[in-house]
Structures are given as structure tokens and as C-alpha cells.
Amino acid sequence: MRKNISGMEMSSVDEFVTSAISEIANIISGNVLTELAQNDMICDILPPAVCKPDNGKTYELMTSCLISTGVGNMGLDIRLNQA
């Protein structure tokens, strides 16, 4: 069981855990958006979405990476379309 992020012990990925991970995604996305705006790129941001592996939507840019954190590894999928 892990309790590093929330201070509470978690034994499974439930709605609370999904919400916490979504908030982390919001923070990361906001920081990226700020950096892009400082480099004269106009961007729009949408809230993160929990998707099934094949949601049928196509993207112009799709990339994945693995982030190692103090609470374990986290997979990150980045999917972008031009406006």
C-alpha cells in the first residue's frame, strides 16, 4: 500500500486516486502551457481525461514516456492536435 501522495494508504486505483493523478496532470499541463506561451506559442488546454487504450480519436502528435517518481513509475501519454 502507498501513502506518499495523499498521506492515506491506498490499496487500489479508485476514484480518489484517479482524481489525484488528474490533478498532477493539470499541474504538469499548466506548466507546459506557461512555457509555450513564453515562447510565443498560443495554446488552449483541456482538462485531462482518463481514456481507454483505444478511444478511436486520432491525434497529430502522440508520444509516451515513463516517469520515475518517489511513489513509483507513472506512464504518461501526450496527445496533441493543432488548433
PDB file of N, CA and C in Angstrom:
ATOM      1  N   MET A   1       0.848  -1.191   0.000  1.00  0.00           N
ATOM      2  CA  MET A   1       0.000   0.000   0.000  1.00  0.00           C
ATOM      3  C   MET A   1       0.886   1.244   0.000  1.00  0.00           C
ATOM      4  N   ARG A   2       0.453   2.244  -0.717  1.00  0.00           N
ATOM      5  CA  ARG A   2       1.188   3.505  -0.821  1.00  0.00           C
ATOM      6  C   ARG A   2       0.421   4.611  -0.117  1.00  0.00           C
ATOM      7  N   LYS A   3       1.148   5.531   0.502  1.00  0.00           N
ATOM      8  CA  LYS A   3       0.500   6.690   1.098  1.00  0.00           C
ATOM      9  C   LYS A   3       1.317   7.961   0.878  1.00  0.00           C
ATOM     10  N   ASN A   4       2.275   7.927  -0.026  1.00  0.00           N
ATOM     11  CA  ASN A   4       3.155   9.065  -0.244  1.00  0.00           C
ATOM     12  C   ASN A   4       2.441  10.318  -0.741  1.00  0.00           C
ATOM     13  N   ILE A   5       1.538  10.208  -1.711  1.00  0.00           N
ATOM     14  CA  ILE A   5       0.928  11.382  -2.324  1.00  0.00           C
ATOM     15  C   ILE A   5      -0.108  12.024  -1.404  1.00  0.00           C
ATOM     16  N   SER A   6      -1.030  11.250  -0.892  1.00  0.00           N
ATOM     17  CA  SER A   6      -2.149  11.811  -0.138  1.00  0.00           C
ATOM     18  C   SER A   6      -1.982  11.716   1.369  1.00  0.00           C
ATOM     19  N   GLY A   7      -1.033  10.931   1.829  1.00  0.00           N
ATOM     20  CA  GLY A   7      -0.903  10.696   3.257  1.00  0.00           C
ATOM     21  C   GLY A   7      -1.809   9.583   3.753  1.00  0.00           C
ATOM     22  N   MET A   8      -2.664   9.069   2.846  1.00  0.00           N
ATOM     23  CA  MET A   8      -3.567   7.977   3.190  1.00  0.00           C
ATOM     24  C   MET A   8      -3.095   6.723   2.472  1.00  0.00           C
ATOM     25  N   GLU A   9      -3.304   5.577   3.088  1.00  0.00           N
ATOM     26  CA  GLU A   9      -2.909   4.330   2.442  1.00  0.00           C
ATOM     27  C   GLU A   9      -3.921   3.945   1.376  1.00  0.00           C
ATOM     28  N   MET A  10      -3.414   3.550   0.220  1.00  0.00           N
ATOM     29  CA  MET A  10      -4.254   3.148  -0.904  1.00  0.00           C
ATOM     30  C   MET A  10      -3.856   1.742  -1.322  1.00  0.00           C
ATOM     31  N   SER A  11      -4.829   0.896  -1.531  1.00  0.00           N
ATOM     32  CA  SER A  11      -4.522  -0.465  -1.965  1.00  0.00           C
ATOM     33  C   SER A  11      -4.958  -0.720  -3.407  1.00  0.00           C
ATOM     34  N   SER A  12      -5.706   0.239  -3.986  1.00  0.00           N
ATOM     35  CA  SER A  12      -6.156   0.074  -5.369  1.00  0.00           C
ATOM     36  C   SER A  12      -6.347   1.444  -6.003  1.00  0.00           C
ATOM     37  N   VAL A  13      -6.482   1.448  -7.324  1.00  0.00           N
ATOM     38  CA  VAL A  13      -6.741   2.687  -8.047  1.00  0.00           C
ATOM     39  C   VAL A  13      -8.251   2.894  -8.074  1.00  0.00           C
ATOM     40  N   ASP A  14      -8.707   3.836  -7.266  1.00  0.00           N
ATOM     41  CA  ASP A  14     -10.133   4.132  -7.193  1.00  0.00           C
ATOM     42  C   ASP A  14     -10.374   5.554  -7.707  1.00  0.00           C
ATOM     43  N   GLU A  15     -11.567   6.084  -7.502  1.00  0.00           N
ATOM     44  CA  GLU A  15     -11.920   7.426  -7.984  1.00  0.00           C
ATOM     45  C   GLU A  15     -11.036   8.499  -7.354  1.00  0.00           C
ATOM     46  N   PHE A  16     -10.698   8.358  -6.078  1.00  0.00           N
ATOM     47  CA  PHE A  16      -9.838   9.334  -5.402  1.00  0.00           C
ATOM     48  C   PHE A  16      -8.446   9.352  -6.024  1.00  0.00           C
ATOM     49  N   VAL A  17      -7.882   8.179  -6.254  1.00  0.00           N
ATOM     50  CA  VAL A  17      -6.550   8.079  -6.852  1.00  0.00           C
ATOM     51  C   VAL A  17      -6.562   8.652  -8.267  1.00  0.00           C
ATOM     52  N   THR A  18      -7.582   8.315  -9.044  1.00  0.00           N
ATOM     53  CA  THR A  18      -7.704   8.839 -10.404  1.00  0.00           C
ATOM     54  C   THR A  18      -7.804  10.361 -10.380  1.00  0.00           C
ATOM     55  N   SER A  19      -8.545  10.916  -9.442  1.00  0.00           N
ATOM     56  CA  SER A  19      -8.680  12.362  -9.310  1.00  0.00           C
ATOM     57  C   SER A  19      -7.331  13.008  -8.954  1.00  0.00           C
ATOM     58  N   ALA A  20      -6.591  12.373  -8.053  1.00  0.00           N
ATOM     59  CA  ALA A  20      -5.277  12.907  -7.663  1.00  0.00           C
ATOM     60  C   ALA A  20      -4.318  12.901  -8.844  1.00  0.00           C
ATOM     61  N   ILE A  21      -4.324  11.834  -9.626  1.00  0.00           N
ATOM     62  CA  ILE A  21      -3.450  11.753 -10.794  1.00  0.00           C
ATOM     63  C   ILE A  21      -3.878  12.788 -11.830  1.00  0.00           C
ATOM     64  N   SER A  22      -5.173  13.002 -11.986  1.00  0.00           N
ATOM     65  CA  SER A  22      -5.659  14.035 -12.907  1.00  0.00           C
ATOM     66  C   SER A  22      -5.185  15.418 -12.478  1.00  0.00           C
ATOM     67  N   GLU A  23      -5.157  15.669 -11.187  1.00  0.00           N
ATOM     68  CA  GLU A  23      -4.676  16.961 -10.692  1.00  0.00           C
ATOM     69  C   GLU A  23      -3.186  17.135 -10.987  1.00  0.00           C
ATOM     70  N   ILE A  24      -2.416  16.070 -10.848  1.00  0.00           N
ATOM     71  CA  ILE A  24      -0.993  16.134 -11.208  1.00  0.00           C
ATOM     72  C   ILE A  24      -0.857  16.461 -12.695  1.00  0.00           C
ATOM     73  N   ALA A  25      -1.697  15.833 -13.527  1.00  0.00           N
ATOM     74  CA  ALA A  25      -1.683  16.118 -14.970  1.00  0.00           C
ATOM     75  C   ALA A  25      -2.039  17.570 -15.234  1.00  0.00           C
ATOM     76  N   ASN A  26      -2.987  18.127 -14.483  1.00  0.00           N
ATOM     77  CA  ASN A  26      -3.337  19.543 -14.623  1.00  0.00           C
ATOM     78  C   ASN A  26      -2.140  20.438 -14.320  1.00  0.00           C
ATOM     79  N   ILE A  27      -1.423  20.136 -13.277  1.00  0.00           N
ATOM     80  CA  ILE A  27      -0.259  20.935 -12.889  1.00  0.00           C
ATOM     81  C   ILE A  27       0.819  20.868 -13.965  1.00  0.00           C
ATOM     82  N   ILE A  28       1.116  19.663 -14.434  1.00  0.00           N
ATOM     83  CA  ILE A  28       2.118  19.499 -15.486  1.00  0.00           C
ATOM     84  C   ILE A  28       1.682  20.241 -16.748  1.00  0.00           C
ATOM     85  N   SER A  29       0.432  20.068 -17.158  1.00  0.00           N
ATOM     86  CA  SER A  29      -0.077  20.719 -18.361  1.00  0.00           C
ATOM     87  C   SER A  29      -0.029  22.235 -18.235  1.00  0.00           C
ATOM     88  N   GLY A  30      -0.392  22.749 -17.088  1.00  0.00           N
ATOM     89  CA  GLY A  30      -0.342  24.195 -16.867  1.00  0.00           C
ATOM     90  C   GLY A  30       1.067  24.739 -16.982  1.00  0.00           C
ATOM     91  N   ASN A  31       2.027  24.013 -16.432  1.00  0.00           N
ATOM     92  CA  ASN A  31       3.424  24.438 -16.532  1.00  0.00           C
ATOM     93  C   ASN A  31       3.914  24.409 -17.971  1.00  0.00           C
ATOM     94  N   VAL A  32       3.537  23.390 -18.720  1.00  0.00           N
ATOM     95  CA  VAL A  32       3.918  23.302 -20.130  1.00  0.00           C
ATOM     96  C   VAL A  32       3.286  24.445 -20.914  1.00  0.00           C
ATOM     97  N   LEU A  33       2.006  24.711 -20.665  1.00  0.00           N
ATOM     98  CA  LEU A  33       1.306  25.784 -21.351  1.00  0.00           C
ATOM     99  C   LEU A  33       1.973  27.135 -21.069  1.00  0.00           C
ATOM    100  N   THR A  34       2.362  27.372 -19.843  1.00  0.00           N
ATOM    101  CA  THR A  34       3.049  28.611 -19.485  1.00  0.00           C
ATOM    102  C   THR A  34       4.365  28.741 -20.243  1.00  0.00           C
ATOM    103  N   GLU A  35       5.123  27.665 -20.290  1.00  0.00           N
ATOM    104  CA  GLU A  35       6.406  27.685 -21.004  1.00  0.00           C
ATOM    105  C   GLU A  35       6.202  27.940 -22.499  1.00  0.00           C
ATOM    106  N   LEU A  36       5.217  27.299 -23.095  1.00  0.00           N
ATOM    107  CA  LEU A  36       4.938  27.510 -24.517  1.00  0.00           C
ATOM    108  C   LEU A  36       4.497  28.949 -24.775  1.00  0.00           C
ATOM    109  N   ALA A  37       3.655  29.504 -23.902  1.00  0.00           N
ATOM    110  CA  ALA A  37       3.192  30.887 -24.064  1.00  0.00           C
ATOM    111  C   ALA A  37       4.357  31.867 -23.977  1.00  0.00           C
ATOM    112  N   GLN A  38       5.336  31.576 -23.129  1.00  0.00           N
ATOM    113  CA  GLN A  38       6.508  32.441 -23.014  1.00  0.00           C
ATOM    114  C   GLN A  38       7.381  32.378 -24.260  1.00  0.00           C
ATOM    115  N   ASN A  39       7.146  31.371 -25.092  1.00  0.00           N
ATOM    116  CA  ASN A  39       7.869  31.232 -26.362  1.00  0.00           C
ATOM    117  C   ASN A  39       6.950  31.555 -27.545  1.00  0.00           C
ATOM    118  N   ASP A  40       5.963  32.437 -27.292  1.00  0.00           N
ATOM    119  CA  ASP A  40       5.056  32.959 -28.319  1.00  0.00           C
ATOM    120  C   ASP A  40       4.234  31.894 -29.030  1.00  0.00           C
ATOM    121  N   MET A  41       3.885  30.822 -28.343  1.00  0.00           N
ATOM    122  CA  MET A  41       3.002  29.810 -28.910  1.00  0.00           C
ATOM    123  C   MET A  41       1.640  29.950 -28.234  1.00  0.00           C
ATOM    124  N   ILE A  42       0.613  30.097 -29.025  1.00  0.00           N
ATOM    125  CA  ILE A  42      -0.742  30.226 -28.496  1.00  0.00           C
ATOM    126  C   ILE A  42      -1.328  28.825 -28.346  1.00  0.00           C
ATOM    127  N   CYS A  43      -1.753  28.506 -27.146  1.00  0.00           N
ATOM    128  CA  CYS A  43      -2.247  27.159 -26.850  1.00  0.00           C
ATOM    129  C   CYS A  43      -3.554  27.230 -26.080  1.00  0.00           C
ATOM    130  N   ASP A  44      -4.310  26.173 -26.185  1.00  0.00           N
ATOM    131  CA  ASP A  44      -5.521  26.003 -25.399  1.00  0.00           C
ATOM    132  C   ASP A  44      -5.355  24.687 -24.656  1.00  0.00           C
ATOM    133  N   ILE A  45      -5.890  24.619 -23.481  1.00  0.00           N
ATOM    134  CA  ILE A  45      -5.728  23.412 -22.674  1.00  0.00           C
ATOM    135  C   ILE A  45      -7.103  22.898 -22.266  1.00  0.00           C
ATOM    136  N   LEU A  46      -7.250  21.601 -22.281  1.00  0.00           N
ATOM    137  CA  LEU A  46      -8.470  20.947 -21.835  1.00  0.00           C
ATOM    138  C   LEU A  46      -8.147  20.118 -20.601  1.00  0.00           C
ATOM    139  N   PRO A  47      -9.133  19.855 -19.775  1.00  0.00           N
ATOM    140  CA  PRO A  47      -8.865  19.018 -18.599  1.00  0.00           C
ATOM    141  C   PRO A  47      -8.380  17.633 -19.027  1.00  0.00           C
ATOM    142  N   PRO A  48      -7.553  16.996 -18.208  1.00  0.00           N
ATOM    143  CA  PRO A  48      -7.098  15.654 -18.546  1.00  0.00           C
ATOM    144  C   PRO A  48      -8.278  14.692 -18.573  1.00  0.00           C
ATOM    145  N   ALA A  49      -8.147  13.664 -19.377  1.00  0.00           N
ATOM    146  CA  ALA A  49      -9.215  12.673 -19.487  1.00  0.00           C
ATOM    147  C   ALA A  49      -8.633  11.285 -19.282  1.00  0.00           C
ATOM    148  N   VAL A  50      -9.348  10.466 -18.576  1.00  0.00           N
ATOM    149  CA  VAL A  50      -8.962   9.072 -18.420  1.00  0.00           C
ATOM    150  C   VAL A  50      -9.591   8.326 -19.593  1.00  0.00           C
ATOM    151  N   CYS A  51      -8.753   7.781 -20.453  1.00  0.00           N
ATOM    152  CA  CYS A  51      -9.226   7.130 -21.674  1.00  0.00           C
ATOM    153  C   CYS A  51      -8.837   5.669 -21.682  1.00  0.00           C
ATOM    154  N   LYS A  52      -9.645   4.902 -22.366  1.00  0.00           N
ATOM    155  CA  LYS A  52      -9.274   3.515 -22.614  1.00  0.00           C
ATOM    156  C   LYS A  52      -8.170   3.521 -23.668  1.00  0.00           C
ATOM    157  N   PRO A  53      -7.349   2.488 -23.709  1.00  0.00           N
ATOM    158  CA  PRO A  53      -6.225   2.486 -24.658  1.00  0.00           C
ATOM    159  C   PRO A  53      -6.604   2.814 -26.095  1.00  0.00           C
ATOM    160  N   ASP A  54      -7.768   2.405 -26.567  1.00  0.00           N
ATOM    161  CA  ASP A  54      -8.174   2.705 -27.933  1.00  0.00           C
ATOM    162  C   ASP A  54      -9.509   3.436 -27.901  1.00  0.00           C
ATOM    163  N   ASN A  55      -9.449   4.779 -27.824  1.00  0.00           N
ATOM    164  CA  ASN A  55     -10.681   5.557 -27.790  1.00  0.00           C
ATOM    165  C   ASN A  55     -11.119   5.983 -29.190  1.00  0.00           C
ATOM    166  N   GLY A  56     -10.382   5.589 -30.227  1.00  0.00           N
ATOM    167  CA  GLY A  56     -10.766   5.867 -31.601  1.00  0.00           C
ATOM    168  C   GLY A  56     -10.422   7.252 -32.098  1.00  0.00           C
ATOM    169  N   LYS A  57     -10.012   8.158 -31.235  1.00  0.00           N
ATOM    170  CA  LYS A  57      -9.683   9.512 -31.650  1.00  0.00           C
ATOM    171  C   LYS A  57      -8.263   9.553 -32.194  1.00  0.00           C
ATOM    172  N   THR A  58      -8.044  10.333 -33.244  1.00  0.00           N
ATOM    173  CA  THR A  58      -6.709  10.453 -33.826  1.00  0.00           C
ATOM    174  C   THR A  58      -6.082  11.775 -33.414  1.00  0.00           C
ATOM    175  N   TYR A  59      -4.773  11.776 -33.329  1.00  0.00           N
ATOM    176  CA  TYR A  59      -4.012  12.956 -32.931  1.00  0.00           C
ATOM    177  C   TYR A  59      -2.852  13.144 -33.900  1.00  0.00           C
ATOM    178  N   GLU A  60      -2.455  14.400 -34.081  1.00  0.00           N
ATOM    179  CA  GLU A  60      -1.331  14.697 -34.958  1.00  0.00           C
ATOM    180  C   GLU A  60      -0.001  14.305 -34.314  1.00  0.00           C
ATOM    181  N   LEU A  61       0.081  14.419 -33.005  1.00  0.00           N
ATOM    182  CA  LEU A  61       1.283  14.040 -32.276  1.00  0.00           C
ATOM    183  C   LEU A  61       0.877  13.143 -31.129  1.00  0.00           C
ATOM    184  N   MET A  62       1.484  11.977 -31.058  1.00  0.00           N
ATOM    185  CA  MET A  62       1.256  11.061 -29.947  1.00  0.00           C
ATOM    186  C   MET A  62       2.612  10.534 -29.495  1.00  0.00           C
ATOM    187  N   THR A  63       2.892  10.671 -28.229  1.00  0.00           N
ATOM    188  CA  THR A  63       4.137  10.144 -27.688  1.00  0.00           C
ATOM    189  C   THR A  63       3.889   9.658 -26.260  1.00  0.00           C
ATOM    190  N   SER A  64       4.705   8.772 -25.803  1.00  0.00           N
ATOM    191  CA  SER A  64       4.573   8.224 -24.456  1.00  0.00           C
ATOM    192  C   SER A  64       5.936   8.223 -23.771  1.00  0.00           C
ATOM    193  N   CYS A  65       5.900   8.304 -22.460  1.00  0.00           N
ATOM    194  CA  CYS A  65       7.146   8.183 -21.702  1.00  0.00           C
ATOM    195  C   CYS A  65       6.828   7.612 -20.322  1.00  0.00           C
ATOM    196  N   LEU A  66       7.853   7.170 -19.652  1.00  0.00           N
ATOM    197  CA  LEU A  66       7.738   6.628 -18.307  1.00  0.00           C
ATOM    198  C   LEU A  66       8.460   7.578 -17.364  1.00  0.00           C
ATOM    199  N   ILE A  67       7.767   8.037 -16.346  1.00  0.00           N
ATOM    200  CA  ILE A  67       8.337   8.951 -15.363  1.00  0.00           C
ATOM    201  C   ILE A  67       8.573   8.173 -14.074  1.00  0.00           C
ATOM    202  N   SER A  68       9.796   8.207 -13.582  1.00  0.00           N
ATOM    203  CA  SER A  68      10.113   7.561 -12.308  1.00  0.00           C
ATOM    204  C   SER A  68       9.945   8.575 -11.185  1.00  0.00           C
ATOM    205  N   THR A  69       9.130   8.243 -10.200  1.00  0.00           N
ATOM    206  CA  THR A  69       8.884   9.142  -9.078  1.00  0.00           C
ATOM    207  C   THR A  69       9.162   8.418  -7.769  1.00  0.00           C
ATOM    208  N   GLY A  70       9.084   9.145  -6.690  1.00  0.00           N
ATOM    209  CA  GLY A  70       9.275   8.566  -5.374  1.00  0.00           C
ATOM    210  C   GLY A  70       8.200   7.577  -4.984  1.00  0.00           C
ATOM    211  N   VAL A  71       7.059   7.610  -5.677  1.00  0.00           N
ATOM    212  CA  VAL A  71       5.964   6.679  -5.379  1.00  0.00           C
ATOM    213  C   VAL A  71       5.855   5.589  -6.428  1.00  0.00           C
ATOM    214  N   GLY A  72       6.812   5.535  -7.334  1.00  0.00           N
ATOM    215  CA  GLY A  72       6.798   4.502  -8.365  1.00  0.00           C
ATOM    216  C   GLY A  72       6.791   5.102  -9.753  1.00  0.00           C
ATOM    217  N   ASN A  73       6.718   4.248 -10.748  1.00  0.00           N
ATOM    218  CA  ASN A  73       6.726   4.689 -12.131  1.00  0.00           C
ATOM    219  C   ASN A  73       5.322   5.093 -12.572  1.00  0.00           C
ATOM    220  N   MET A  74       5.263   6.095 -13.440  1.00  0.00           N
ATOM    221  CA  MET A  74       3.989   6.577 -13.964  1.00  0.00           C
ATOM    222  C   MET A  74       4.117   6.703 -15.471  1.00  0.00           C
ATOM    223  N   GLY A  75       3.193   6.118 -16.202  1.00  0.00           N
ATOM    224  CA  GLY A  75       3.177   6.243 -17.657  1.00  0.00           C
ATOM    225  C   GLY A  75       2.473   7.526 -18.046  1.00  0.00           C
ATOM    226  N   LEU A  76       3.021   8.241 -19.017  1.00  0.00           N
ATOM    227  CA  LEU A  76       2.441   9.498 -19.471  1.00  0.00           C
ATOM    228  C   LEU A  76       2.282   9.443 -20.985  1.00  0.00           C
ATOM    229  N   ASP A  77       1.053   9.595 -21.462  1.00  0.00           N
ATOM    230  CA  ASP A  77       0.758   9.696 -22.895  1.00  0.00           C
ATOM    231  C   ASP A  77       0.471  11.155 -23.202  1.00  0.00           C
ATOM    232  N   ILE A  78       1.123  11.671 -24.232  1.00  0.00           N
ATOM    233  CA  ILE A  78       0.913  13.050 -24.656  1.00  0.00           C
ATOM    234  C   ILE A  78       0.306  12.994 -26.046  1.00  0.00           C
ATOM    235  N   ARG A  79      -0.851  13.638 -26.215  1.00  0.00           N
ATOM    236  CA  ARG A  79      -1.561  13.621 -27.494  1.00  0.00           C
ATOM    237  C   ARG A  79      -1.965  15.053 -27.824  1.00  0.00           C
ATOM    238  N   LEU A  80      -1.515  15.549 -28.970  1.00  0.00           N
ATOM    239  CA  LEU A  80      -1.752  16.930 -29.344  1.00  0.00           C
ATOM    240  C   LEU A  80      -2.309  17.041 -30.758  1.00  0.00           C
ATOM    241  N   ASN A  81      -3.135  18.052 -30.958  1.00  0.00           N
ATOM    242  CA  ASN A  81      -3.634  18.445 -32.272  1.00  0.00           C
ATOM    243  C   ASN A  81      -3.422  19.935 -32.427  1.00  0.00           C
ATOM    244  N   GLN A  82      -3.146  20.396 -33.647  1.00  0.00           N
ATOM    245  CA  GLN A  82      -3.093  21.815 -33.913  1.00  0.00           C
ATOM    246  C   GLN A  82      -4.510  22.360 -33.925  1.00  0.00           C
ATOM    247  N   ALA A  83      -4.644  23.608 -33.491  1.00  0.00           N
ATOM    248  CA  ALA A  83      -5.969  24.255 -33.493  1.00  0.00           C
ATOM    249  C   ALA A  83      -6.375  24.594 -34.910  1.00  0.00           C
TER     250      ALA A  83
END
